[in-house]
Amino acid sequence: MPRKRSVGAVGAASEAKPKPKRLSKTAFFLRLKTDVPPESCFVLVNGNRIQNLMQLAMEIDKMPDEVFYYHVNDYKNDYMNWVRDVIKDLELCDKIKDIKDKKNMQICLLKHIVKMI
C-alpha cells in the first residue's frame, strides 16, 4: 500500500493557520454581560462560579493567590481554555495564553473589554 506523501509549506496541500476571528462589537457586548449556561460556568477550585467575562475580571481581583495559581501555572491556563471553548473569543484567548500573574491577567481582560465596548 503506497504511503501518503506530505507536502511542505510551499506545496498546494499546506494550510495556513487561521487568524483568530474577531467578534463584532454587538456579539462581544452580549458575551460580556450575558451569563453562560449553568453547565458552562467556570467553577473555581474554591467553588465560586464565573458566568461571564466581566465577572472573571472582577473575581480575579479578589480571589486568593492560591486559587488563581491553581488555575494558571506552568502546566495550564484554565482561564484561557474557558475563554476559547465557552466564550469563544479567540482574540482574547491569544492575549491571555501566556499570562501567569493575577494583575496582568486582570489588566489584559479589562483592556480587552474596554476596547470592545
Protein backbone atom coordinates (compact mmCIF):
# COMPACT_ATOMS: atom_id res chain seq x y z
CA MET A 1 0.00 0.00 0.00
CA PRO A 2 1.57 3.32 -1.04
CA ARG A 3 2.32 5.88 1.66
CA LYS A 4 0.82 9.33 1.51
CA ARG A 5 3.36 11.96 0.66
CA SER A 6 3.33 15.00 2.89
CA VAL A 7 3.62 18.31 1.17
CA GLY A 8 5.71 21.07 2.78
CA ALA A 9 4.70 24.67 3.41
CA VAL A 10 5.37 25.55 -0.22
CA GLY A 11 3.12 22.84 -1.62
CA ALA A 12 -0.52 23.24 -2.55
CA ALA A 13 -1.69 20.94 0.21
CA SER A 14 -0.35 23.11 3.01
CA GLU A 15 -2.85 25.03 5.09
CA ALA A 16 -2.28 28.40 6.68
CA LYS A 17 -3.21 28.64 10.34
CA PRO A 18 -6.35 30.78 10.53
CA LYS A 19 -6.07 34.10 12.34
CA PRO A 20 -8.17 34.48 15.46
CA LYS A 21 -11.62 35.62 14.50
CA ARG A 22 -12.59 39.00 15.94
CA LEU A 23 -16.06 39.20 17.40
CA SER A 24 -18.35 42.01 16.29
CA LYS A 25 -18.93 44.63 18.98
CA THR A 26 -22.54 43.51 19.33
CA ALA A 27 -21.55 39.86 19.77
CA PHE A 28 -18.82 40.83 22.21
CA PHE A 29 -21.15 43.02 24.30
CA LEU A 30 -23.66 40.18 24.52
CA ARG A 31 -20.95 37.77 25.69
CA LEU A 32 -19.60 40.33 28.12
CA LYS A 33 -22.81 40.78 30.08
CA THR A 34 -24.74 37.61 29.26
CA ASP A 35 -24.25 34.71 31.63
CA VAL A 36 -23.20 31.44 30.08
CA PRO A 37 -25.48 28.45 30.70
CA PRO A 38 -25.04 26.97 34.19
CA GLU A 39 -23.29 23.88 32.82
CA SER A 40 -20.68 26.11 31.12
CA CYS A 41 -19.80 28.27 34.13
CA PHE A 42 -16.18 28.37 35.17
CA VAL A 43 -16.04 26.76 38.60
CA LEU A 44 -13.07 27.90 40.65
CA VAL A 45 -11.27 25.47 42.92
CA ASN A 46 -12.88 27.25 45.91
CA GLY A 47 -16.37 26.61 44.49
CA ASN A 48 -17.12 30.14 43.22
CA ARG A 49 -18.74 30.23 39.78
CA ILE A 50 -17.84 32.62 36.95
CA GLN A 51 -20.65 33.28 34.48
CA ASN A 52 -19.24 35.97 32.14
CA LEU A 53 -16.07 37.86 31.20
CA MET A 54 -16.74 40.89 33.37
CA GLN A 55 -17.29 38.66 36.38
CA LEU A 56 -14.00 36.87 35.64
CA ALA A 57 -12.10 40.18 35.55
CA MET A 58 -13.66 41.32 38.84
CA GLU A 59 -13.24 37.95 40.57
CA ILE A 60 -9.51 37.80 39.76
CA ASP A 61 -9.00 40.97 41.80
CA LYS A 62 -10.43 39.49 44.98
CA MET A 63 -9.56 35.80 44.70
CA PRO A 64 -6.77 34.43 46.89
CA ASP A 65 -3.44 33.84 45.13
CA GLU A 66 -3.67 30.09 45.68
CA VAL A 67 -6.98 29.98 43.78
CA PHE A 68 -5.58 31.96 40.83
CA TYR A 69 -2.39 29.90 40.64
CA TYR A 70 -4.30 26.64 40.86
CA HIS A 71 -5.90 27.59 37.52
CA VAL A 72 -2.89 29.33 35.93
CA ASN A 73 0.57 27.86 36.25
CA ASP A 74 3.41 26.46 34.13
CA TYR A 75 1.25 23.50 33.10
CA LYS A 76 -2.12 25.02 32.32
CA ASN A 77 -4.18 28.16 31.87
CA ASP A 78 -7.77 27.28 32.67
CA TYR A 79 -8.99 30.84 32.08
CA MET A 80 -7.63 30.79 28.53
CA ASN A 81 -9.31 27.43 27.91
CA TRP A 82 -12.65 28.77 29.17
CA VAL A 83 -12.39 31.95 27.07
CA ARG A 84 -11.56 29.83 23.99
CA ASP A 85 -14.04 27.00 24.49
CA VAL A 86 -17.01 28.71 26.16
CA ILE A 87 -16.79 32.44 25.48
CA LYS A 88 -15.35 31.71 22.01
CA ASP A 89 -13.24 34.87 21.91
CA LEU A 90 -10.10 33.71 20.13
CA GLU A 91 -8.55 37.18 20.11
CA LEU A 92 -8.72 37.41 23.91
CA CYS A 93 -7.62 33.80 24.21
CA ASP A 94 -4.46 34.64 22.27
CA LYS A 95 -3.80 37.66 24.51
CA ILE A 96 -4.06 35.78 27.82
CA LYS A 97 -2.46 32.47 26.87
CA ASP A 98 0.97 33.32 28.30
CA ILE A 99 -0.08 35.49 31.25
CA LYS A 100 0.86 33.87 34.55
CA ASP A 101 0.05 36.53 37.17
CA LYS A 102 -3.17 37.97 38.59
CA LYS A 103 -2.67 41.68 37.93
CA ASN A 104 -1.56 41.27 34.31
CA MET A 105 -4.41 38.85 33.67
CA GLN A 106 -6.94 41.30 35.08
CA ILE A 107 -5.42 44.26 33.20
CA CYS A 108 -5.48 42.31 29.93
CA LEU A 109 -9.11 41.27 30.44
CA LEU A 110 -10.21 44.81 31.32
CA LYS A 111 -8.30 46.40 28.40
CA HIS A 112 -9.94 43.93 26.03
CA ILE A 113 -13.37 44.66 27.48
CA VAL A 114 -12.91 48.45 27.27
CA LYS A 115 -11.55 48.24 23.73
CA MET A 116 -14.57 46.28 22.57
CA ILE A 117 -17.24 48.41 24.23
